[in-house]
């Protein structure tokens, strides 16, 4: 390869966005959030970007608390997913790497408020979720639920977070 090609490739380094998602099921219903996005009002799992200095499981617990006001304790990894999204308004092309976890959920804390942009939380049946795909923020919402229903579970230890990740950010 030529040196110019290598430099061009380095300048265009692909950097997918790492996200975490809580797949929360209780009594046959799934807890989703309804959020305002640049593409309108959408349904999603409690999910968001992994922050510096946190493990994927810790990030998932944080996002679930911020978006649902409920303490979530991940107990298993459902899967690791890739998806690609092109923003309608800007044309931006984004690839996401999603770590999806299931676990235990607590009651809503009335002293907390939902994260900015979250309109409400709601419990939906699998059939209601399947029937609302046009409102899903991500195609991974449905895929993660189906994998959960199929019994896919992996130990949390499958995703190793080196201590250097946490100490590099004052943890």
N, C-alpha and C. Protein backbone atom coordinates (compact mmCIF):
# COMPACT_ATOMS: atom_id res chain seq x y z
N UNK A 1 0.84 -1.19 0.00
CA UNK A 1 0.00 0.00 0.00
C UNK A 1 0.87 1.24 0.00
N UNK A 2 0.35 2.27 -0.61
CA UNK A 2 1.12 3.52 -0.66
C UNK A 2 0.97 4.27 0.64
N UNK A 3 1.94 5.12 0.93
CA UNK A 3 1.90 5.95 2.13
C UNK A 3 0.72 6.90 2.14
N UNK A 4 0.35 7.43 0.97
CA UNK A 4 -0.80 8.34 0.88
C UNK A 4 -2.09 7.63 1.25
N UNK A 5 -2.24 6.37 0.81
CA UNK A 5 -3.44 5.61 1.14
C UNK A 5 -3.54 5.40 2.65
N UNK A 6 -2.42 5.03 3.27
CA UNK A 6 -2.41 4.80 4.71
C UNK A 6 -2.78 6.07 5.47
N UNK A 7 -2.27 7.23 5.05
CA UNK A 7 -2.60 8.49 5.72
C UNK A 7 -4.07 8.82 5.55
N UNK A 8 -4.62 8.61 4.36
CA UNK A 8 -6.04 8.89 4.12
C UNK A 8 -6.89 7.96 4.98
N UNK A 9 -6.49 6.71 5.08
CA UNK A 9 -7.24 5.75 5.89
C UNK A 9 -7.20 6.14 7.36
N UNK A 10 -6.06 6.60 7.85
CA UNK A 10 -5.94 7.01 9.25
C UNK A 10 -6.80 8.24 9.53
N UNK A 11 -6.88 9.17 8.58
CA UNK A 11 -7.69 10.37 8.78
C UNK A 11 -9.18 10.06 8.79
N UNK A 12 -9.57 8.95 8.17
CA UNK A 12 -10.97 8.56 8.12
C UNK A 12 -11.24 7.33 8.98
N UNK A 13 -10.57 7.25 10.11
CA UNK A 13 -10.71 6.10 10.99
C UNK A 13 -12.16 5.92 11.40
N UNK A 14 -12.67 4.74 11.21
CA UNK A 14 -14.05 4.41 11.55
C UNK A 14 -14.17 4.30 13.06
N UNK A 15 -15.08 5.04 13.64
CA UNK A 15 -15.27 5.06 15.09
C UNK A 15 -16.74 4.86 15.40
N UNK A 16 -17.16 3.60 15.57
CA UNK A 16 -18.56 3.37 15.90
C UNK A 16 -18.89 3.91 17.30
N UNK A 17 -20.14 4.28 17.48
CA UNK A 17 -20.62 4.77 18.78
C UNK A 17 -20.99 3.56 19.64
N UNK A 18 -20.45 3.51 20.84
CA UNK A 18 -20.75 2.41 21.76
C UNK A 18 -21.94 2.80 22.62
N UNK A 19 -22.97 1.94 22.60
CA UNK A 19 -24.16 2.19 23.40
C UNK A 19 -24.46 0.98 24.27
N UNK A 20 -25.28 1.22 25.28
CA UNK A 20 -25.72 0.18 26.20
C UNK A 20 -27.23 0.25 26.30
N UNK A 21 -27.88 -0.89 26.47
CA UNK A 21 -29.34 -0.92 26.53
C UNK A 21 -29.81 -1.91 27.58
N UNK A 22 -30.85 -1.50 28.30
CA UNK A 22 -31.47 -2.35 29.32
C UNK A 22 -32.74 -2.97 28.72
N UNK A 23 -32.76 -4.28 28.64
CA UNK A 23 -33.94 -5.01 28.17
C UNK A 23 -34.66 -5.44 29.44
N UNK A 24 -35.71 -4.70 29.77
CA UNK A 24 -36.37 -4.86 31.06
C UNK A 24 -37.74 -5.51 30.86
N UNK A 25 -37.89 -6.71 31.44
CA UNK A 25 -39.15 -7.46 31.34
C UNK A 25 -39.65 -7.76 32.74
N UNK A 26 -40.96 -7.62 32.90
CA UNK A 26 -41.60 -7.96 34.18
C UNK A 26 -43.02 -8.42 33.88
N UNK A 27 -43.33 -9.62 34.30
CA UNK A 27 -44.67 -10.18 34.13
C UNK A 27 -45.13 -10.16 32.66
N UNK A 28 -44.21 -10.44 31.75
CA UNK A 28 -44.56 -10.51 30.34
C UNK A 28 -44.62 -9.18 29.61
N UNK A 29 -44.31 -8.09 30.30
CA UNK A 29 -44.31 -6.76 29.70
C UNK A 29 -42.89 -6.22 29.68
N UNK A 30 -42.60 -5.38 28.67
CA UNK A 30 -41.29 -4.77 28.54
C UNK A 30 -41.39 -3.28 28.81
N UNK A 31 -40.45 -2.77 29.61
CA UNK A 31 -40.40 -1.35 29.92
C UNK A 31 -39.64 -0.62 28.83
N UNK A 32 -40.32 0.30 28.16
CA UNK A 32 -39.72 1.11 27.11
C UNK A 32 -39.82 2.58 27.50
N UNK A 33 -39.09 3.38 26.78
CA UNK A 33 -39.20 4.82 26.94
C UNK A 33 -39.72 5.40 25.65
N UNK A 34 -40.42 6.50 25.78
CA UNK A 34 -40.86 7.26 24.61
C UNK A 34 -40.08 8.55 24.67
N UNK A 35 -39.33 8.85 23.60
CA UNK A 35 -38.45 10.00 23.63
C UNK A 35 -38.59 10.86 22.39
N UNK A 36 -38.32 12.14 22.59
CA UNK A 36 -38.34 13.09 21.50
C UNK A 36 -36.97 13.06 20.83
N UNK A 37 -36.96 12.79 19.52
CA UNK A 37 -35.71 12.74 18.76
C UNK A 37 -35.81 13.71 17.59
N UNK A 38 -34.72 13.87 16.88
CA UNK A 38 -34.75 14.74 15.70
C UNK A 38 -35.64 14.14 14.60
N UNK A 39 -35.95 12.87 14.71
CA UNK A 39 -36.84 12.21 13.76
C UNK A 39 -38.27 12.09 14.31
N UNK A 40 -38.56 12.76 15.43
CA UNK A 40 -39.90 12.71 16.02
C UNK A 40 -39.94 11.86 17.27
N UNK A 41 -41.15 11.58 17.75
CA UNK A 41 -41.37 10.80 18.97
C UNK A 41 -41.12 9.32 18.67
N UNK A 42 -40.19 8.70 19.39
CA UNK A 42 -39.80 7.32 19.12
C UNK A 42 -39.82 6.48 20.39
N UNK A 43 -39.93 5.17 20.21
CA UNK A 43 -39.85 4.19 21.30
C UNK A 43 -38.45 3.59 21.32
N UNK A 44 -37.96 3.30 22.52
CA UNK A 44 -36.64 2.69 22.64
C UNK A 44 -36.56 1.96 23.97
N UNK A 45 -35.55 1.13 24.09
CA UNK A 45 -35.18 0.60 25.40
C UNK A 45 -34.53 1.75 26.16
N UNK A 46 -34.46 1.63 27.46
CA UNK A 46 -33.62 2.56 28.22
C UNK A 46 -32.21 2.30 27.72
N UNK A 47 -31.63 3.28 27.06
CA UNK A 47 -30.34 3.06 26.39
C UNK A 47 -29.63 4.38 26.18
N UNK A 48 -28.34 4.30 25.95
CA UNK A 48 -27.58 5.49 25.66
C UNK A 48 -26.11 5.17 25.46
N UNK A 49 -25.33 6.22 25.34
CA UNK A 49 -23.90 6.08 25.08
C UNK A 49 -23.14 5.69 26.33
N UNK A 50 -22.15 4.87 26.13
CA UNK A 50 -21.23 4.50 27.21
C UNK A 50 -20.38 5.72 27.53
N UNK A 51 -20.29 6.07 28.79
CA UNK A 51 -19.50 7.23 29.22
C UNK A 51 -18.07 6.81 29.55
N UNK A 52 -17.13 7.74 29.44
CA UNK A 52 -15.74 7.44 29.81
C UNK A 52 -15.68 6.96 31.27
N UNK A 53 -14.85 5.97 31.52
CA UNK A 53 -14.61 5.51 32.88
C UNK A 53 -15.62 4.53 33.42
N UNK A 54 -16.51 3.99 32.59
CA UNK A 54 -17.48 3.03 33.11
C UNK A 54 -17.49 1.76 32.27
N UNK A 55 -17.83 0.67 32.92
CA UNK A 55 -17.98 -0.60 32.21
C UNK A 55 -19.32 -0.58 31.48
N UNK A 56 -19.50 -1.43 30.48
CA UNK A 56 -20.81 -1.48 29.82
C UNK A 56 -21.97 -1.78 30.78
N UNK A 57 -21.78 -2.69 31.72
CA UNK A 57 -22.86 -3.01 32.67
C UNK A 57 -23.18 -1.80 33.55
N UNK A 58 -22.14 -1.09 34.02
CA UNK A 58 -22.36 0.11 34.84
C UNK A 58 -23.04 1.20 34.02
N UNK A 59 -22.63 1.36 32.77
CA UNK A 59 -23.26 2.34 31.91
C UNK A 59 -24.73 2.04 31.67
N UNK A 60 -25.04 0.77 31.53
CA UNK A 60 -26.42 0.36 31.33
C UNK A 60 -27.27 0.68 32.56
N UNK A 61 -26.74 0.40 33.74
CA UNK A 61 -27.46 0.72 34.98
C UNK A 61 -27.69 2.22 35.09
N UNK A 62 -26.68 3.02 34.75
CA UNK A 62 -26.81 4.48 34.80
C UNK A 62 -27.87 4.97 33.83
N UNK A 63 -27.81 4.51 32.59
CA UNK A 63 -28.78 4.93 31.59
C UNK A 63 -30.21 4.56 32.00
N UNK A 64 -30.39 3.36 32.52
CA UNK A 64 -31.73 2.93 32.94
C UNK A 64 -32.26 3.83 34.05
N UNK A 65 -31.41 4.18 35.00
CA UNK A 65 -31.84 5.08 36.08
C UNK A 65 -32.20 6.46 35.54
N UNK A 66 -31.36 6.99 34.66
CA UNK A 66 -31.61 8.32 34.09
C UNK A 66 -32.89 8.37 33.26
N UNK A 67 -33.17 7.29 32.55
CA UNK A 67 -34.29 7.33 31.61
C UNK A 67 -35.59 6.75 32.15
N UNK A 68 -35.52 6.01 33.28
CA UNK A 68 -36.74 5.42 33.84
C UNK A 68 -36.99 5.80 35.30
N UNK A 69 -36.03 6.39 35.97
CA UNK A 69 -36.02 6.68 37.41
C UNK A 69 -36.06 5.40 38.26
N UNK A 70 -35.68 4.29 37.68
CA UNK A 70 -35.67 3.00 38.38
C UNK A 70 -34.25 2.46 38.44
N UNK A 71 -33.90 1.88 39.57
CA UNK A 71 -32.60 1.22 39.70
C UNK A 71 -32.67 -0.08 38.91
N UNK A 72 -31.69 -0.26 38.04
CA UNK A 72 -31.58 -1.47 37.23
C UNK A 72 -30.26 -2.14 37.55
N UNK A 73 -30.31 -3.44 37.83
CA UNK A 73 -29.09 -4.20 38.10
C UNK A 73 -28.92 -5.27 37.03
N UNK A 74 -27.97 -5.05 36.10
CA UNK A 74 -27.75 -6.06 35.05
C UNK A 74 -27.34 -7.39 35.66
N UNK A 75 -27.93 -8.48 35.15
CA UNK A 75 -27.58 -9.81 35.62
C UNK A 75 -27.02 -10.68 34.50
N UNK A 76 -27.27 -10.31 33.24
CA UNK A 76 -26.76 -11.09 32.11
C UNK A 76 -26.66 -10.20 30.87
N UNK A 77 -25.76 -10.58 30.00
CA UNK A 77 -25.63 -9.93 28.69
C UNK A 77 -26.52 -10.71 27.73
N UNK A 78 -27.37 -10.02 26.99
CA UNK A 78 -28.20 -10.68 25.99
C UNK A 78 -27.43 -10.81 24.68
N UNK A 79 -26.68 -9.77 24.32
CA UNK A 79 -25.90 -9.85 23.10
C UNK A 79 -25.19 -8.55 22.81
N UNK A 80 -24.35 -8.59 21.79
CA UNK A 80 -23.63 -7.42 21.30
C UNK A 80 -24.06 -7.27 19.84
N UNK A 81 -24.51 -6.08 19.50
CA UNK A 81 -25.16 -5.85 18.21
C UNK A 81 -24.51 -4.68 17.47
N UNK A 82 -24.55 -4.75 16.15
CA UNK A 82 -24.13 -3.64 15.29
C UNK A 82 -25.33 -3.17 14.48
N UNK A 83 -25.49 -1.87 14.37
CA UNK A 83 -26.50 -1.32 13.48
C UNK A 83 -25.98 -0.03 12.88
N UNK A 84 -26.56 0.33 11.76
CA UNK A 84 -26.15 1.54 11.06
C UNK A 84 -27.38 2.41 10.86
N UNK A 85 -27.19 3.70 11.04
CA UNK A 85 -28.31 4.64 10.97
C UNK A 85 -27.88 5.88 10.22
N UNK A 86 -28.73 6.34 9.36
CA UNK A 86 -28.46 7.60 8.66
C UNK A 86 -29.52 8.61 9.08
N UNK A 87 -29.06 9.71 9.67
CA UNK A 87 -29.98 10.74 10.14
C UNK A 87 -30.68 11.39 8.95
N UNK A 88 -31.99 11.48 9.03
CA UNK A 88 -32.79 12.03 7.94
C UNK A 88 -32.45 13.49 7.70
N UNK A 89 -32.36 14.26 8.77
CA UNK A 89 -32.17 15.71 8.64
C UNK A 89 -30.76 16.10 8.20
N UNK A 90 -29.74 15.39 8.70
CA UNK A 90 -28.36 15.80 8.42
C UNK A 90 -27.63 14.89 7.43
N UNK A 91 -28.15 13.70 7.22
CA UNK A 91 -27.47 12.75 6.35
C UNK A 91 -26.30 12.05 7.03
N UNK A 92 -26.06 12.37 8.30
CA UNK A 92 -24.95 11.75 9.04
C UNK A 92 -25.13 10.24 9.09
N UNK A 93 -24.06 9.52 8.83
CA UNK A 93 -24.05 8.07 8.82
C UNK A 93 -23.36 7.59 10.10
N UNK A 94 -24.09 6.88 10.96
CA UNK A 94 -23.55 6.46 12.25
C UNK A 94 -23.71 4.95 12.40
N UNK A 95 -22.66 4.30 12.86
CA UNK A 95 -22.72 2.88 13.20
C UNK A 95 -22.68 2.77 14.71
N UNK A 96 -23.58 1.94 15.25
CA UNK A 96 -23.66 1.73 16.69
C UNK A 96 -23.23 0.30 17.03
N UNK A 97 -22.51 0.17 18.14
CA UNK A 97 -22.23 -1.12 18.76
C UNK A 97 -23.01 -1.10 20.07
N UNK A 98 -23.99 -1.99 20.19
CA UNK A 98 -24.87 -2.00 21.37
C UNK A 98 -24.61 -3.23 22.22
N UNK A 99 -24.40 -2.99 23.51
CA UNK A 99 -24.33 -4.05 24.51
C UNK A 99 -25.69 -4.07 25.20
N UNK A 100 -26.43 -5.16 25.05
CA UNK A 100 -27.77 -5.24 25.64
C UNK A 100 -27.75 -6.18 26.85
N UNK A 101 -28.30 -5.69 27.95
CA UNK A 101 -28.33 -6.43 29.20
C UNK A 101 -29.75 -6.63 29.69
N UNK A 102 -30.00 -7.73 30.36
CA UNK A 102 -31.24 -7.90 31.10
C UNK A 102 -30.86 -7.92 32.58
N UNK A 103 -31.86 -7.79 33.44
CA UNK A 103 -31.55 -7.76 34.86
C UNK A 103 -32.77 -7.49 35.71
N UNK A 104 -32.50 -7.01 36.90
CA UNK A 104 -33.55 -6.75 37.88
C UNK A 104 -33.84 -5.26 37.94
N UNK A 105 -35.13 -4.93 38.02
CA UNK A 105 -35.56 -3.53 38.02
C UNK A 105 -36.30 -3.22 39.31
N UNK A 106 -36.05 -2.03 39.85
CA UNK A 106 -36.74 -1.59 41.05
C UNK A 106 -37.95 -0.73 40.70
N UNK A 107 -38.56 -0.19 41.71
CA UNK A 107 -39.71 0.69 41.52
C UNK A 107 -39.23 2.08 41.11
N UNK A 108 -40.11 2.83 40.48
CA UNK A 108 -39.80 4.21 40.09
C UNK A 108 -39.56 5.04 41.34
N UNK A 109 -38.56 5.91 41.30
CA UNK A 109 -38.25 6.79 42.41
C UNK A 109 -38.90 8.15 42.14
N UNK A 110 -39.93 8.51 42.90
CA UNK A 110 -40.64 9.78 42.64
C UNK A 110 -39.78 11.02 42.88
N UNK A 111 -38.66 10.88 43.56
CA UNK A 111 -37.77 12.02 43.79
C UNK A 111 -36.91 12.34 42.56
N UNK A 112 -36.88 11.43 41.59
CA UNK A 112 -36.08 11.62 40.38
C UNK A 112 -36.98 12.02 39.21
N UNK A 113 -36.39 12.67 38.23
CA UNK A 113 -37.15 13.01 37.02
C UNK A 113 -36.50 12.32 35.83
N UNK A 114 -37.30 12.10 34.80
CA UNK A 114 -36.80 11.46 33.59
C UNK A 114 -35.79 12.36 32.91
N UNK A 115 -34.82 11.74 32.26
CA UNK A 115 -33.78 12.46 31.52
C UNK A 115 -34.40 13.38 30.48
N UNK A 116 -33.67 14.42 30.11
CA UNK A 116 -34.15 15.37 29.11
C UNK A 116 -34.47 14.64 27.80
N UNK A 117 -35.62 14.95 27.23
CA UNK A 117 -36.04 14.33 25.98
C UNK A 117 -36.92 13.11 26.16
N UNK A 118 -36.91 12.53 27.36
CA UNK A 118 -37.76 11.37 27.63
C UNK A 118 -39.15 11.89 28.01
N UNK A 119 -40.15 11.50 27.24
CA UNK A 119 -41.52 11.96 27.47
C UNK A 119 -42.18 11.13 28.56
N UNK A 120 -41.99 9.81 28.49
CA UNK A 120 -42.59 8.91 29.48
C UNK A 120 -42.01 7.53 29.35
N UNK A 121 -42.29 6.70 30.35
CA UNK A 121 -41.98 5.27 30.27
C UNK A 121 -43.30 4.54 30.09
N UNK A 122 -43.23 3.38 29.46
CA UNK A 122 -44.45 2.59 29.30
C UNK A 122 -44.12 1.11 29.22
N UNK A 123 -45.06 0.30 29.69
CA UNK A 123 -44.93 -1.14 29.64
C UNK A 123 -45.71 -1.64 28.44
N UNK A 124 -45.07 -2.47 27.62
CA UNK A 124 -45.72 -2.98 26.41
C UNK A 124 -45.54 -4.49 26.29
N UNK A 125 -46.52 -5.14 25.68
CA UNK A 125 -46.41 -6.57 25.41
C UNK A 125 -45.49 -6.78 24.20
N UNK A 126 -44.96 -7.99 24.05
CA UNK A 126 -44.17 -8.27 22.85
C UNK A 126 -44.95 -8.00 21.56
N UNK A 127 -46.23 -8.36 21.53
CA UNK A 127 -47.02 -8.12 20.31
C UNK A 127 -47.20 -6.63 20.05
N UNK A 128 -47.37 -5.82 21.08
CA UNK A 128 -47.47 -4.37 20.88
C UNK A 128 -46.17 -3.80 20.34
N UNK A 129 -45.06 -4.32 20.83
CA UNK A 129 -43.74 -3.87 20.34
C UNK A 129 -43.56 -4.28 18.88
N UNK A 130 -43.92 -5.50 18.57
CA UNK A 130 -43.81 -5.98 17.17
C UNK A 130 -44.68 -5.16 16.23
N UNK A 131 -45.83 -4.70 16.71
CA UNK A 131 -46.78 -3.96 15.87
C UNK A 131 -46.43 -2.48 15.72
N UNK A 132 -45.39 -2.02 16.43
CA UNK A 132 -45.06 -0.59 16.42
C UNK A 132 -43.68 -0.30 15.84
N UNK A 133 -43.20 -1.14 14.95
CA UNK A 133 -41.83 -1.00 14.45
C UNK A 133 -41.56 0.36 13.79
N UNK A 134 -42.58 0.98 13.20
CA UNK A 134 -42.37 2.30 12.58
C UNK A 134 -42.04 3.36 13.61
N UNK A 135 -42.32 3.10 14.87
CA UNK A 135 -42.04 4.06 15.94
C UNK A 135 -40.74 3.74 16.69
N UNK A 136 -40.06 2.65 16.33
CA UNK A 136 -38.82 2.26 17.03
C UNK A 136 -37.68 3.19 16.64
N UNK A 137 -36.94 3.63 17.63
CA UNK A 137 -35.77 4.46 17.36
C UNK A 137 -34.67 3.65 16.69
N UNK A 138 -34.60 2.38 17.03
CA UNK A 138 -33.56 1.51 16.50
C UNK A 138 -34.16 0.16 16.14
N UNK A 139 -33.67 -0.47 15.07
CA UNK A 139 -34.13 -1.83 14.76
C UNK A 139 -33.68 -2.83 15.83
N UNK A 140 -32.74 -2.42 16.64
CA UNK A 140 -32.24 -3.31 17.68
C UNK A 140 -33.22 -3.48 18.84
N UNK A 141 -34.16 -2.56 19.01
CA UNK A 141 -35.17 -2.70 20.06
C UNK A 141 -35.86 -4.05 19.90
N UNK A 142 -36.38 -4.32 18.72
CA UNK A 142 -37.10 -5.57 18.47
C UNK A 142 -36.16 -6.77 18.53
N UNK A 143 -34.99 -6.66 17.93
CA UNK A 143 -34.05 -7.79 17.91
C UNK A 143 -33.63 -8.18 19.32
N UNK A 144 -33.34 -7.19 20.16
CA UNK A 144 -32.93 -7.50 21.54
C UNK A 144 -34.06 -8.17 22.32
N UNK A 145 -35.30 -7.69 22.12
CA UNK A 145 -36.44 -8.30 22.80
C UNK A 145 -36.61 -9.76 22.34
N UNK A 146 -36.51 -9.98 21.04
CA UNK A 146 -36.67 -11.34 20.52
C UNK A 146 -35.56 -12.26 21.05
N UNK A 147 -34.34 -11.76 21.12
CA UNK A 147 -33.25 -12.57 21.68
C UNK A 147 -33.49 -12.87 23.15
N UNK A 148 -34.00 -11.89 23.89
CA UNK A 148 -34.34 -12.10 25.29
C UNK A 148 -35.41 -13.19 25.41
N UNK A 149 -36.47 -13.08 24.60
CA UNK A 149 -37.55 -14.06 24.65
C UNK A 149 -37.07 -15.45 24.24
N UNK A 150 -36.04 -15.52 23.39
CA UNK A 150 -35.47 -16.80 22.96
C UNK A 150 -34.54 -17.39 24.03
N UNK A 151 -34.35 -16.66 25.12
CA UNK A 151 -33.54 -17.17 26.23
C UNK A 151 -32.06 -16.92 26.11
N UNK A 152 -31.64 -16.05 25.23
CA UNK A 152 -30.21 -15.76 25.09
C UNK A 152 -29.71 -15.02 26.34
N UNK A 153 -28.74 -15.60 27.00
CA UNK A 153 -28.15 -15.00 28.19
C UNK A 153 -26.67 -15.40 28.24
N UNK A 154 -25.83 -14.42 28.50
CA UNK A 154 -24.41 -14.68 28.64
C UNK A 154 -23.94 -14.06 29.95
N UNK A 155 -22.94 -14.64 30.59
CA UNK A 155 -22.47 -14.08 31.86
C UNK A 155 -21.90 -12.68 31.68
N UNK A 156 -22.09 -11.85 32.69
CA UNK A 156 -21.56 -10.48 32.65
C UNK A 156 -20.06 -10.47 32.44
N UNK A 157 -19.38 -11.50 32.92
CA UNK A 157 -17.92 -11.58 32.80
C UNK A 157 -17.46 -11.72 31.35
N UNK A 158 -18.37 -11.98 30.43
CA UNK A 158 -18.01 -12.06 29.02
C UNK A 158 -17.43 -10.75 28.53
N UNK A 159 -17.89 -9.63 29.11
CA UNK A 159 -17.38 -8.30 28.74
C UNK A 159 -16.44 -7.86 29.85
N UNK A 160 -15.17 -7.90 29.54
CA UNK A 160 -14.15 -7.53 30.51
C UNK A 160 -13.80 -6.05 30.37
N UNK A 161 -13.81 -5.35 31.49
CA UNK A 161 -13.38 -3.95 31.51
C UNK A 161 -12.11 -3.86 32.33
N UNK A 162 -11.03 -3.55 31.67
CA UNK A 162 -9.75 -3.43 32.37
C UNK A 162 -9.80 -2.26 33.35
N UNK A 163 -9.09 -2.41 34.45
CA UNK A 163 -9.05 -1.37 35.49
C UNK A 163 -8.57 -0.02 34.94
N UNK A 164 -7.76 -0.07 33.88
CA UNK A 164 -7.22 1.17 33.32
C UNK A 164 -8.34 2.07 32.77
N UNK A 165 -9.46 1.50 32.36
CA UNK A 165 -10.59 2.29 31.86
C UNK A 165 -11.14 3.17 32.98
N UNK A 166 -11.27 2.60 34.14
CA UNK A 166 -11.85 3.32 35.27
C UNK A 166 -10.84 4.27 35.89
N UNK A 167 -9.61 3.84 36.07
CA UNK A 167 -8.61 4.72 36.72
C UNK A 167 -8.22 5.88 35.83
N UNK A 168 -8.31 5.70 34.50
CA UNK A 168 -7.96 6.79 33.59
C UNK A 168 -8.93 7.95 33.71
N UNK A 169 -10.09 7.72 34.29
CA UNK A 169 -11.12 8.75 34.41
C UNK A 169 -11.47 9.05 35.85
N UNK A 170 -10.53 8.81 36.74
CA UNK A 170 -10.70 9.19 38.14
C UNK A 170 -11.58 8.27 38.95
N UNK A 171 -11.79 7.02 38.48
CA UNK A 171 -12.66 6.08 39.19
C UNK A 171 -11.96 5.36 40.29
